[in-house]
Amino acid sequence: MEPVMEKKDLFGKCPYVTSQKVFTGKWSMYIIYLLEQAGTIRFNELQRRMPEEMTHTTLSRQLKTLENEGLIIRREYAQIPPKVEYSLSEIGARFSPVLKAIEAWGDEYIAYLEKI
């Protein structure tokens, strides 16, 4: 039996806690999904693809968090008007099989909900 870790020691050691902390934002997985689908995308286009009303500030904050976690790359072009593009980093792109598994489970759960 493995020893129980202290709560403060779990990040970076326990894959479940680490994953949960990295994807802590409400829309983080969906943003990763959209970037996986689009490749490289500009901020306003990403905001248009979000399923619900999302403020500029909320999306900006979520993108900054994902960038700080190393999951996405933000590329800013020095031009007028400003142009910023987002894409998945190498480690962000490696989340693709997990997204596919979540999609499959989500589809199964939706079917389950339709039966009850």
Protein backbone atom coordinates (compact mmCIF):
# COMPACT_ATOMS: atom_id res chain seq x y z
CA MET A 1 0.00 0.00 0.00
CA GLU A 2 1.36 3.42 -0.98
CA PRO A 3 1.64 6.06 1.75
CA VAL A 4 -0.93 8.86 1.73
CA MET A 5 0.65 12.10 0.51
CA GLU A 6 0.17 15.43 2.20
CA LYS A 7 -2.31 17.63 0.31
CA LYS A 8 0.32 20.26 -0.41
CA ASP A 9 2.59 17.64 -1.98
CA LEU A 10 0.15 16.29 -4.57
CA PHE A 11 0.70 18.78 -7.43
CA GLY A 12 3.44 17.52 -9.68
CA LYS A 13 3.34 14.07 -8.10
CA CYS A 14 -0.21 12.77 -8.43
CA PRO A 15 -1.37 12.72 -12.07
CA TYR A 16 -5.02 13.29 -11.13
CA VAL A 17 -4.42 16.32 -8.93
CA THR A 18 -1.87 17.73 -11.36
CA SER A 19 -4.27 17.39 -14.30
CA GLN A 20 -7.14 18.85 -12.33
CA LYS A 21 -5.05 21.88 -11.29
CA VAL A 22 -3.81 22.50 -14.85
CA PHE A 23 -7.36 22.36 -16.26
CA THR A 24 -8.93 24.30 -13.42
CA GLY A 25 -10.76 26.90 -15.54
CA LYS A 26 -14.39 26.33 -16.51
CA TRP A 27 -13.60 26.52 -20.23
CA SER A 28 -10.01 25.25 -20.33
CA MET A 29 -10.76 21.85 -21.93
CA TYR A 30 -13.15 23.39 -24.45
CA ILE A 31 -10.53 25.98 -25.43
CA ILE A 32 -7.99 23.19 -25.93
CA TYR A 33 -10.57 21.35 -28.06
CA LEU A 34 -11.20 24.46 -30.22
CA LEU A 35 -7.47 25.02 -30.69
CA GLU A 36 -7.05 21.37 -31.63
CA GLN A 37 -9.75 21.77 -34.29
CA ALA A 38 -8.59 25.16 -35.60
CA GLY A 39 -4.82 24.83 -35.39
CA THR A 40 -3.94 28.50 -35.05
CA ILE A 41 -6.71 30.96 -34.31
CA ARG A 42 -7.08 34.63 -33.49
CA PHE A 43 -8.62 35.84 -30.24
CA ASN A 44 -11.90 37.19 -31.67
CA GLU A 45 -12.53 34.05 -33.71
CA LEU A 46 -11.91 31.92 -30.63
CA GLN A 47 -14.36 34.05 -28.66
CA ARG A 48 -17.00 33.66 -31.40
CA ARG A 49 -16.67 29.87 -31.20
CA MET A 50 -17.33 29.70 -27.48
CA PRO A 51 -20.76 28.16 -26.77
CA GLU A 52 -21.98 30.81 -24.31
CA GLU A 53 -21.57 34.51 -23.83
CA MET A 54 -18.05 34.99 -22.63
CA THR A 55 -16.54 38.33 -21.84
CA HIS A 56 -13.26 39.42 -23.37
CA THR A 57 -11.78 39.53 -19.86
CA THR A 58 -12.84 35.98 -18.96
CA LEU A 59 -11.44 34.47 -22.16
CA SER A 60 -8.28 36.53 -21.81
CA ARG A 61 -7.77 35.32 -18.25
CA GLN A 62 -8.37 31.68 -19.24
CA LEU A 63 -5.94 31.92 -22.17
CA LYS A 64 -3.28 33.49 -19.94
CA THR A 65 -3.66 30.63 -17.46
CA LEU A 66 -3.35 28.01 -20.22
CA GLU A 67 -0.31 29.83 -21.59
CA ASN A 68 1.28 29.95 -18.11
CA GLU A 69 0.66 26.21 -17.77
CA GLY A 70 2.49 25.66 -21.07
CA LEU A 71 -0.54 24.23 -22.90
CA ILE A 72 -0.95 26.97 -25.50
CA ILE A 73 1.30 29.36 -27.37
CA ARG A 74 0.40 33.03 -27.74
CA ARG A 75 1.97 34.80 -30.68
CA GLU A 76 1.67 38.56 -30.87
CA TYR A 77 2.41 40.44 -34.08
CA ALA A 78 3.71 44.00 -33.90
CA GLN A 79 1.23 45.66 -36.21
CA ILE A 80 -1.73 48.02 -36.22
CA PRO A 81 -4.36 46.83 -35.47
CA PRO A 82 -2.82 44.35 -33.02
CA LYS A 83 -2.90 40.71 -34.07
CA VAL A 84 -2.63 37.86 -31.59
CA GLU A 85 -2.86 34.18 -32.48
CA TYR A 86 -3.16 31.14 -30.26
CA SER A 87 -2.19 27.55 -30.92
CA LEU A 88 -1.49 24.41 -28.92
CA SER A 89 1.98 23.78 -27.57
CA GLU A 90 3.51 20.34 -27.94
CA ILE A 91 2.32 19.26 -24.49
CA GLY A 92 -1.10 20.82 -25.15
CA ALA A 93 -1.44 18.82 -28.37
CA ARG A 94 -0.66 15.64 -26.43
CA PHE A 95 -3.98 16.13 -24.63
CA SER A 96 -5.80 15.10 -27.84
CA PRO A 97 -6.30 11.41 -26.91
CA VAL A 98 -7.71 12.50 -23.55
CA LEU A 99 -10.17 14.82 -25.32
CA LYS A 100 -11.26 11.96 -27.57
CA ALA A 101 -11.82 9.73 -24.54
CA ILE A 102 -13.81 12.49 -22.80
CA GLU A 103 -15.87 12.95 -25.97
CA ALA A 104 -16.65 9.22 -26.13
CA TRP A 105 -17.64 9.12 -22.47
CA GLY A 106 -19.66 12.32 -22.86
CA ASP A 107 -21.58 10.81 -25.79
CA GLU A 108 -22.28 7.68 -23.72
CA TYR A 109 -23.47 9.80 -20.81
CA ILE A 110 -25.74 11.88 -23.06
CA ALA A 111 -27.28 8.62 -24.34
CA TYR A 112 -27.72 7.50 -20.73
CA LEU A 113 -29.46 10.78 -19.85
CA GLU A 114 -31.82 10.38 -22.77
CA LYS A 115 -32.92 6.98 -21.43
CA ILE A 116 -33.75 8.12 -17.89
